[in-house]
Amino acid sequence: MRIRAGVRRVLGVVKAGSSVIAGLAALGLFVGALAACSAGGTGARDEGPARTDPVGSTAPAATASPAPSTSPSPSPSAVNAVRLVKADPKVSTDIKRDLKPCVADEYPVDVSYGNLTGAAATDVVVNVMTCGDAVGIGTYVYRDEGGTYQNVFQAEEPPVYAEIDRGDLVVTKQVYDKGDSVASPSGEEILTYRWSGDHFVQESRTHNDYSHAVDGASPVPSDDG
């Protein structure tokens, strides 16, 4: 009987120990889980703020807008002004004869290009001068008509010079009094022409008188006392 009672106590102790062991094992697993969570971070908050973009959407890449292409204005085709003047039947024989190179093949001509007559092609203004003192002896305006330049204006009363000013033809003529040198005219006349239909019409005329006092000593006022 004593042997059976001892066996029962042993079995009771074993059962109690098993329960304790099982409880300790469960506690160990719980503590292990807590440690794993602690080592792994704070969960979803470690991922940063949640994205608000829809799934699959991407922000468009910024691209620089190409600059608008602009075509440069076509440059006027250079003309042989000397050949143009010498082949022009309206130009006087004297000017054609005097139109010679000053140095080597350099002719005393100034050429300007611009829009004077409203034609599709560029108009050409040619000034013929003397070699020695560059005095204008003839000025001409040529208009492209069907691929051929036509003389639509000329002035051959020296000294004369023509320019293009904001679509107008401006002709300047030096005025000389008796005894004036070539370098010191007494004045000038400025004539402005505008294209009308098929010819130039004079729009205005301005006369300027020059003072010769600036070229030499100023007169000294006399002392009447």
Foldseek 3Di string as FASTA:
>chain_A
DVVVVVVVVVVVVVVVVVVVVVVVVVVVVVVVVVVVCVVVDDPPVVVPDDDPDPPPDDDDDDDDDDDDDDDDDDDADDDDVLVVQLPAPVHDPVLNVQFAALPDRHTLKDKDWAAQAPDPHIKIKIFHAHNPPRFTQKIWIWDQDPNDTDTQDMDGHIRKDWDADPRKIKMKHFAADPPDDPVGTQWIKIWIWHHDDRHIDTDDIDIGGDDCCVVDPHDDDDDPD
